[in-house]
N, C-alpha and C. Protein backbone atom coordinates (compact mmCIF):
# COMPACT_ATOMS: atom_id res chain seq x y z
N MET A 1 -7.66 3.81 2.04
CA MET A 1 -6.99 3.05 1.00
C MET A 1 -6.61 1.70 1.60
N SER A 2 -7.20 0.65 1.09
CA SER A 2 -6.91 -0.67 1.64
C SER A 2 -6.13 -1.53 0.66
N SER A 3 -5.51 -0.93 -0.32
CA SER A 3 -4.71 -1.70 -1.26
C SER A 3 -3.26 -1.26 -1.20
N VAL A 4 -2.39 -2.14 -1.71
CA VAL A 4 -0.95 -1.93 -1.64
C VAL A 4 -0.38 -2.10 -3.04
N GLN A 5 0.61 -1.28 -3.36
CA GLN A 5 1.29 -1.43 -4.64
C GLN A 5 2.37 -2.49 -4.52
N ILE A 6 2.43 -3.34 -5.55
CA ILE A 6 3.41 -4.42 -5.59
C ILE A 6 4.19 -4.27 -6.88
N GLN A 7 5.50 -4.48 -6.80
CA GLN A 7 6.32 -4.45 -8.00
C GLN A 7 6.78 -5.87 -8.30
N CYS A 8 6.56 -6.28 -9.54
CA CYS A 8 6.93 -7.63 -9.97
C CYS A 8 8.45 -7.80 -9.90
N ILE A 9 8.88 -8.97 -9.46
CA ILE A 9 10.32 -9.21 -9.33
C ILE A 9 10.95 -9.55 -10.68
N ARG A 10 10.14 -9.88 -11.68
CA ARG A 10 10.69 -10.23 -12.98
C ARG A 10 10.60 -9.09 -13.99
N CYS A 11 9.39 -8.56 -14.21
CA CYS A 11 9.20 -7.52 -15.25
C CYS A 11 9.15 -6.11 -14.68
N LYS A 12 9.16 -5.95 -13.36
CA LYS A 12 9.18 -4.65 -12.66
C LYS A 12 7.89 -3.85 -12.83
N THR A 13 6.82 -4.50 -13.30
CA THR A 13 5.53 -3.83 -13.44
C THR A 13 4.91 -3.61 -12.07
N MET A 14 4.27 -2.45 -11.88
CA MET A 14 3.58 -2.15 -10.64
C MET A 14 2.11 -2.53 -10.79
N PHE A 15 1.56 -3.21 -9.77
CA PHE A 15 0.13 -3.52 -9.73
C PHE A 15 -0.32 -3.47 -8.29
N ARG A 16 -1.62 -3.56 -8.07
CA ARG A 16 -2.17 -3.40 -6.73
C ARG A 16 -2.87 -4.68 -6.28
N ASP A 17 -2.88 -4.87 -4.97
CA ASP A 17 -3.64 -5.96 -4.35
C ASP A 17 -4.09 -5.48 -2.98
N ARG A 18 -5.12 -6.09 -2.46
CA ARG A 18 -5.65 -5.69 -1.16
C ARG A 18 -4.68 -6.05 -0.04
N ALA A 19 -4.57 -5.15 0.93
CA ALA A 19 -3.63 -5.34 2.04
C ALA A 19 -4.04 -6.53 2.90
N GLY A 20 -5.31 -6.81 2.99
CA GLY A 20 -5.76 -7.94 3.79
C GLY A 20 -5.30 -9.28 3.24
N ARG A 21 -5.11 -9.36 1.95
CA ARG A 21 -4.65 -10.60 1.33
C ARG A 21 -3.15 -10.80 1.49
N LEU A 22 -2.39 -9.73 1.49
CA LEU A 22 -0.93 -9.81 1.49
C LEU A 22 -0.42 -10.21 2.87
N GLN A 23 -0.43 -11.49 3.15
CA GLN A 23 0.07 -12.01 4.40
C GLN A 23 1.00 -13.18 4.11
N ASP A 24 1.68 -13.64 5.14
CA ASP A 24 2.64 -14.73 5.00
C ASP A 24 1.97 -15.95 4.36
N GLY A 25 2.55 -16.44 3.26
CA GLY A 25 2.03 -17.61 2.58
C GLY A 25 1.15 -17.31 1.38
N TYR A 26 0.85 -16.04 1.13
CA TYR A 26 0.01 -15.66 0.01
C TYR A 26 0.83 -15.68 -1.28
N SER A 27 0.21 -16.07 -2.38
CA SER A 27 0.88 -16.02 -3.68
C SER A 27 -0.04 -15.33 -4.67
N ARG A 28 0.57 -14.65 -5.61
CA ARG A 28 -0.19 -13.86 -6.59
C ARG A 28 0.55 -13.90 -7.91
N GLN A 29 -0.19 -13.97 -8.99
CA GLN A 29 0.41 -13.97 -10.31
C GLN A 29 0.48 -12.55 -10.84
N CYS A 30 1.60 -12.19 -11.43
CA CYS A 30 1.76 -10.87 -12.03
C CYS A 30 0.82 -10.77 -13.22
N PRO A 31 0.05 -9.69 -13.33
CA PRO A 31 -0.88 -9.56 -14.45
C PRO A 31 -0.20 -9.35 -15.79
N CYS A 32 1.05 -8.94 -15.77
CA CYS A 32 1.76 -8.65 -17.01
C CYS A 32 2.54 -9.86 -17.54
N CYS A 33 3.47 -10.37 -16.74
CA CYS A 33 4.34 -11.46 -17.21
C CYS A 33 3.91 -12.83 -16.69
N GLU A 34 2.93 -12.87 -15.81
CA GLU A 34 2.33 -14.09 -15.27
C GLU A 34 3.27 -14.93 -14.41
N VAL A 35 4.35 -14.34 -13.89
CA VAL A 35 5.19 -15.06 -12.94
C VAL A 35 4.45 -15.08 -11.60
N VAL A 36 4.59 -16.16 -10.84
CA VAL A 36 3.92 -16.27 -9.55
C VAL A 36 4.82 -15.70 -8.47
N LEU A 37 4.29 -14.74 -7.72
CA LEU A 37 5.02 -14.11 -6.62
C LEU A 37 4.55 -14.74 -5.31
N PHE A 38 5.49 -15.15 -4.49
CA PHE A 38 5.19 -15.72 -3.18
C PHE A 38 5.55 -14.70 -2.12
N PHE A 39 4.59 -14.40 -1.26
CA PHE A 39 4.79 -13.40 -0.22
C PHE A 39 5.06 -14.11 1.10
N ALA A 40 6.23 -13.86 1.66
CA ALA A 40 6.63 -14.45 2.94
C ALA A 40 7.31 -13.37 3.78
N GLU A 41 7.12 -13.46 5.09
CA GLU A 41 7.71 -12.47 6.00
C GLU A 41 9.24 -12.49 5.94
N ASP A 42 9.82 -13.65 5.69
CA ASP A 42 11.28 -13.76 5.69
C ASP A 42 11.89 -13.68 4.28
N SER A 43 11.16 -13.15 3.33
CA SER A 43 11.65 -13.03 1.96
C SER A 43 12.85 -12.07 1.90
N GLN A 44 13.81 -12.39 1.05
CA GLN A 44 15.00 -11.56 0.92
C GLN A 44 14.87 -10.53 -0.20
N HIS A 45 13.85 -10.67 -1.04
CA HIS A 45 13.70 -9.75 -2.18
C HIS A 45 13.14 -8.41 -1.70
N PRO A 46 13.76 -7.30 -2.07
CA PRO A 46 13.31 -5.99 -1.57
C PRO A 46 11.90 -5.61 -2.02
N PHE A 47 11.46 -6.04 -3.20
CA PHE A 47 10.10 -5.70 -3.65
C PHE A 47 9.05 -6.40 -2.78
N ILE A 48 9.33 -7.65 -2.43
CA ILE A 48 8.40 -8.40 -1.57
C ILE A 48 8.42 -7.83 -0.16
N LYS A 49 9.60 -7.49 0.34
CA LYS A 49 9.71 -6.88 1.67
C LYS A 49 8.91 -5.59 1.75
N ARG A 50 9.05 -4.74 0.72
CA ARG A 50 8.36 -3.46 0.70
C ARG A 50 6.84 -3.65 0.68
N ALA A 51 6.38 -4.60 -0.13
CA ALA A 51 4.94 -4.86 -0.22
C ALA A 51 4.40 -5.39 1.11
N MET A 52 5.12 -6.30 1.74
CA MET A 52 4.68 -6.85 3.02
C MET A 52 4.68 -5.79 4.12
N ARG A 53 5.69 -4.92 4.12
CA ARG A 53 5.78 -3.86 5.12
C ARG A 53 4.62 -2.87 4.95
N SER A 54 4.35 -2.47 3.72
CA SER A 54 3.27 -1.50 3.50
C SER A 54 1.90 -2.14 3.77
N ALA A 55 1.74 -3.43 3.50
CA ALA A 55 0.48 -4.11 3.80
C ALA A 55 0.25 -4.16 5.31
N ARG A 56 1.29 -4.43 6.08
CA ARG A 56 1.19 -4.43 7.54
C ARG A 56 0.78 -3.05 8.03
N GLN A 57 1.39 -2.01 7.46
CA GLN A 57 1.08 -0.63 7.87
C GLN A 57 -0.38 -0.27 7.55
N VAL A 58 -0.84 -0.65 6.37
CA VAL A 58 -2.22 -0.34 5.98
C VAL A 58 -3.20 -1.08 6.89
N ARG A 59 -2.94 -2.36 7.17
CA ARG A 59 -3.83 -3.11 8.07
C ARG A 59 -3.87 -2.49 9.46
N LYS A 60 -2.71 -2.02 9.94
CA LYS A 60 -2.65 -1.37 11.25
C LYS A 60 -3.48 -0.09 11.26
N GLU A 61 -3.35 0.72 10.21
CA GLU A 61 -4.12 1.97 10.12
C GLU A 61 -5.62 1.68 10.05
N LEU A 62 -6.00 0.64 9.32
CA LEU A 62 -7.42 0.28 9.23
C LEU A 62 -7.96 -0.17 10.59
N ARG A 63 -7.17 -0.95 11.33
CA ARG A 63 -7.61 -1.38 12.67
C ARG A 63 -7.76 -0.19 13.60
N GLU A 64 -6.82 0.76 13.55
CA GLU A 64 -6.90 1.94 14.40
C GLU A 64 -8.11 2.80 14.04
N ALA A 65 -8.37 2.97 12.76
CA ALA A 65 -9.53 3.76 12.34
C ALA A 65 -10.83 3.09 12.77
N GLU A 66 -10.87 1.77 12.69
CA GLU A 66 -12.06 1.04 13.13
C GLU A 66 -12.26 1.19 14.63
N ALA A 67 -11.18 1.16 15.41
CA ALA A 67 -11.28 1.32 16.86
C ALA A 67 -11.79 2.72 17.21
N VAL A 68 -11.30 3.73 16.51
CA VAL A 68 -11.76 5.11 16.76
C VAL A 68 -13.23 5.25 16.39
N ARG A 69 -13.62 4.65 15.29
CA ARG A 69 -15.01 4.73 14.84
C ARG A 69 -15.94 4.05 15.85
N ARG A 70 -15.51 2.92 16.41
CA ARG A 70 -16.35 2.22 17.39
C ARG A 70 -16.40 2.94 18.72
N ALA A 71 -15.33 3.65 19.07
CA ALA A 71 -15.27 4.35 20.35
C ALA A 71 -16.09 5.65 20.32
N ALA A 72 -16.30 6.21 19.15
CA ALA A 72 -17.05 7.47 19.04
C ALA A 72 -18.52 7.22 19.37
N PRO A 73 -19.15 8.15 20.10
CA PRO A 73 -20.58 7.97 20.40
C PRO A 73 -21.40 8.04 19.12
N GLN A 74 -22.36 7.15 19.03
CA GLN A 74 -23.19 7.10 17.83
C GLN A 74 -24.53 7.74 18.10
N GLU A 75 -25.03 8.44 17.11
CA GLU A 75 -26.34 9.05 17.21
C GLU A 75 -27.41 7.99 16.97
N PRO A 76 -28.53 8.10 17.65
CA PRO A 76 -29.60 7.13 17.38
C PRO A 76 -30.13 7.35 15.96
N ARG A 77 -30.27 6.27 15.25
CA ARG A 77 -30.74 6.37 13.86
C ARG A 77 -32.23 6.09 13.80
N MET A 78 -32.88 6.79 12.91
CA MET A 78 -34.29 6.52 12.68
C MET A 78 -34.40 5.38 11.68
N ALA A 79 -35.45 4.62 11.81
CA ALA A 79 -35.65 3.50 10.90
C ALA A 79 -35.86 4.04 9.48
N PRO A 80 -35.25 3.42 8.50
CA PRO A 80 -35.44 3.88 7.12
C PRO A 80 -36.88 3.65 6.68
N ARG A 81 -37.39 4.58 5.92
CA ARG A 81 -38.77 4.47 5.44
C ARG A 81 -38.74 4.34 3.93
N SER A 82 -39.61 3.52 3.44
CA SER A 82 -39.68 3.35 2.00
C SER A 82 -40.34 4.58 1.38
N ARG A 83 -40.17 4.73 0.11
CA ARG A 83 -40.76 5.89 -0.58
C ARG A 83 -42.28 5.86 -0.50
N SER A 84 -42.85 4.67 -0.60
CA SER A 84 -44.31 4.58 -0.60
C SER A 84 -44.86 4.98 0.77
N SER A 85 -44.22 4.60 1.87
CA SER A 85 -44.74 4.97 3.18
C SER A 85 -44.55 6.46 3.44
N THR A 86 -43.48 7.04 2.90
CA THR A 86 -43.27 8.48 3.05
C THR A 86 -44.37 9.25 2.32
N GLY A 87 -44.71 8.80 1.14
CA GLY A 87 -45.77 9.45 0.38
C GLY A 87 -47.11 9.34 1.07
N ARG A 88 -47.41 8.19 1.66
CA ARG A 88 -48.67 8.01 2.38
C ARG A 88 -48.73 8.94 3.58
N ALA A 89 -47.62 9.13 4.26
CA ALA A 89 -47.60 10.00 5.43
C ALA A 89 -47.92 11.44 5.02
N ARG A 90 -47.39 11.89 3.87
CA ARG A 90 -47.67 13.24 3.40
C ARG A 90 -49.14 13.40 3.04
N VAL A 91 -49.70 12.39 2.41
CA VAL A 91 -51.10 12.45 2.02
C VAL A 91 -51.97 12.52 3.25
N GLN A 92 -51.67 11.76 4.26
CA GLN A 92 -52.45 11.76 5.51
C GLN A 92 -52.33 13.11 6.21
N GLU A 93 -51.15 13.73 6.17
CA GLU A 93 -50.96 15.03 6.80
C GLU A 93 -51.81 16.10 6.11
N ARG A 94 -51.90 16.03 4.79
CA ARG A 94 -52.69 17.02 4.05
C ARG A 94 -54.18 16.88 4.32
N SER A 95 -54.64 15.65 4.48
CA SER A 95 -56.08 15.44 4.64
C SER A 95 -56.56 15.82 6.03
N GLU A 96 -55.67 15.93 6.99
CA GLU A 96 -56.09 16.27 8.36
C GLU A 96 -56.32 17.72 8.57
C-alpha cells in the first residue's frame, strides 16, 4: 500500500494520496470542498501531522521491502518467447 489517507482540515472528508508525494512543501486540493491543503513538517494541524507521519512510515516500509527484495538471491530468468516462436518450436519437435 503506497497511499495515505488524508483528512481535510475544512470539511473533514477523507481522501487518499500517494505517500511519495506527501513531503514537505507539497500542496493538494481537497476533492470535496476544494480548499488547498499545504503539507509541511512543522504544521500544527493534527490532520496534516497525521498524514505526514503515516506517509513517512509508508515510505520507510517501501524502502525496507525494496532492500529485502534486492538482497534476496534471484533465479536466472529465461528469455521470454513470443507465441509465434513457441508454436514454431512445437511444430519442429513434431516433425523430427
